[in-house]
Amino acid sequence: MAVGPIVQYHQNSKYYSARPPRPNKQVDNDLPHMTIQMPVYKESLEAVLYAPFVLKYVLSLLTTSCLSRV
């Protein structure tokens, strides 16, 4: 027994296909063969966010401390 709204699992919506479309040979035969390639990024969170943030923060502290001495 399911609790809660489950209607979205049985009908198609704008973002979710619960039921596949019926095959249409006339349309399917006219479609070109395509392969869609998507890039996969394997960078770590540290390399993307943490390291640049720390570098800029340290540089800003050094710049601020150098300017306050003048």
C-alpha atoms as a PDB file:
ATOM      1  CA  MET A   1       0.000   0.000   0.000  1.00  0.00           C
ATOM      2  CA  ALA A   2       1.346   3.426  -0.954  1.00  0.00           C
ATOM      3  CA  VAL A   3       0.826   6.526   1.128  1.00  0.00           C
ATOM      4  CA  GLY A   4       0.641   9.932  -0.487  1.00  0.00           C
ATOM      5  CA  PRO A   5       0.112  11.114  -4.043  1.00  0.00           C
ATOM      6  CA  ILE A   6       1.234   8.472  -6.526  1.00  0.00           C
ATOM      7  CA  VAL A   7      -0.674   9.582  -9.626  1.00  0.00           C
ATOM      8  CA  GLN A   8       2.513  11.140 -11.048  1.00  0.00           C
ATOM      9  CA  TYR A   9       4.051   7.677 -11.311  1.00  0.00           C
ATOM     10  CA  HIS A  10       1.322   6.487 -13.678  1.00  0.00           C
ATOM     11  CA  GLN A  11       0.885   9.388 -16.087  1.00  0.00           C
ATOM     12  CA  ASN A  12       3.204  11.483 -18.229  1.00  0.00           C
ATOM     13  CA  SER A  13       4.032  15.038 -17.292  1.00  0.00           C
ATOM     14  CA  LYS A  14       6.253  17.741 -18.724  1.00  0.00           C
ATOM     15  CA  TYR A  15       9.379  16.381 -17.003  1.00  0.00           C
ATOM     16  CA  TYR A  16       8.610  12.709 -16.364  1.00  0.00           C
ATOM     17  CA  SER A  17       7.648   9.953 -18.800  1.00  0.00           C
ATOM     18  CA  ALA A  18       5.807   7.273 -16.886  1.00  0.00           C
ATOM     19  CA  ARG A  19       4.525   5.598 -20.021  1.00  0.00           C
ATOM     20  CA  PRO A  20       6.573   5.278 -23.206  1.00  0.00           C
ATOM     21  CA  PRO A  21       4.967   6.504 -26.435  1.00  0.00           C
ATOM     22  CA  ARG A  22       3.529   3.980 -28.860  1.00  0.00           C
ATOM     23  CA  PRO A  23       5.939   3.156 -31.693  1.00  0.00           C
ATOM     24  CA  ASN A  24       5.236   4.902 -34.980  1.00  0.00           C
ATOM     25  CA  LYS A  25       7.207   3.166 -37.758  1.00  0.00           C
ATOM     26  CA  GLN A  26       6.507   5.914 -40.290  1.00  0.00           C
ATOM     27  CA  VAL A  27       8.099   8.550 -38.062  1.00  0.00           C
ATOM     28  CA  ASP A  28      10.811   6.291 -36.614  1.00  0.00           C
ATOM     29  CA  ASN A  29      12.129   5.237 -40.018  1.00  0.00           C
ATOM     30  CA  ASP A  30      12.614   8.865 -41.126  1.00  0.00           C
ATOM     31  CA  LEU A  31      14.645   9.891 -38.081  1.00  0.00           C
ATOM     32  CA  PRO A  32      18.436  10.039 -38.478  1.00  0.00           C
ATOM     33  CA  HIS A  33      20.706   8.033 -36.217  1.00  0.00           C
ATOM     34  CA  MET A  34      22.191  10.366 -33.601  1.00  0.00           C
ATOM     35  CA  THR A  35      24.591   9.990 -30.727  1.00  0.00           C
ATOM     36  CA  ILE A  36      24.521  12.703 -28.101  1.00  0.00           C
ATOM     37  CA  GLN A  37      27.777  13.127 -26.225  1.00  0.00           C
ATOM     38  CA  MET A  38      27.813  14.962 -22.943  1.00  0.00           C
ATOM     39  CA  PRO A  39      30.939  15.990 -21.086  1.00  0.00           C
ATOM     40  CA  VAL A  40      31.638  14.383 -17.749  1.00  0.00           C
ATOM     41  CA  TYR A  41      33.453  16.485 -15.206  1.00  0.00           C
ATOM     42  CA  LYS A  42      35.508  14.645 -12.631  1.00  0.00           C
ATOM     43  CA  GLU A  43      36.917  17.577 -10.716  1.00  0.00           C
ATOM     44  CA  SER A  44      36.712  17.527  -6.973  1.00  0.00           C
ATOM     45  CA  LEU A  45      34.846  20.089  -4.937  1.00  0.00           C
ATOM     46  CA  GLU A  46      38.143  21.129  -3.374  1.00  0.00           C
ATOM     47  CA  ALA A  47      39.763  21.886  -6.743  1.00  0.00           C
ATOM     48  CA  VAL A  48      36.753  23.784  -8.074  1.00  0.00           C
ATOM     49  CA  LEU A  49      35.540  25.798  -5.082  1.00  0.00           C
ATOM     50  CA  TYR A  50      37.752  25.469  -2.056  1.00  0.00           C
ATOM     51  CA  ALA A  51      41.239  26.049  -3.510  1.00  0.00           C
ATOM     52  CA  PRO A  52      40.366  29.169  -5.580  1.00  0.00           C
ATOM     53  CA  PHE A  53      38.417  30.645  -2.665  1.00  0.00           C
ATOM     54  CA  VAL A  54      41.263  30.102  -0.205  1.00  0.00           C
ATOM     55  CA  LEU A  55      43.809  31.493  -2.665  1.00  0.00           C
ATOM     56  CA  LYS A  56      41.768  34.660  -3.242  1.00  0.00           C
ATOM     57  CA  TYR A  57      41.090  35.030   0.469  1.00  0.00           C
ATOM     58  CA  VAL A  58      44.768  34.741   1.387  1.00  0.00           C
ATOM     59  CA  LEU A  59      45.745  37.167  -1.370  1.00  0.00           C
ATOM     60  CA  SER A  60      43.151  39.657  -0.178  1.00  0.00           C
ATOM     61  CA  LEU A  61      44.462  39.388   3.387  1.00  0.00           C
ATOM     62  CA  LEU A  62      48.022  39.944   2.197  1.00  0.00           C
ATOM     63  CA  THR A  63      46.968  42.910   0.070  1.00  0.00           C
ATOM     64  CA  THR A  64      44.978  44.419   2.927  1.00  0.00           C
ATOM     65  CA  SER A  65      47.804  43.969   5.407  1.00  0.00           C
ATOM     66  CA  CYS A  66      50.342  45.483   2.962  1.00  0.00           C
ATOM     67  CA  LEU A  67      48.113  48.492   2.344  1.00  0.00           C
ATOM     68  CA  SER A  68      47.504  49.085   6.030  1.00  0.00           C
ATOM     69  CA  ARG A  69      51.257  49.331   6.704  1.00  0.00           C
ATOM     70  CA  VAL A  70      51.698  52.177   4.235  1.00  0.00           C
END
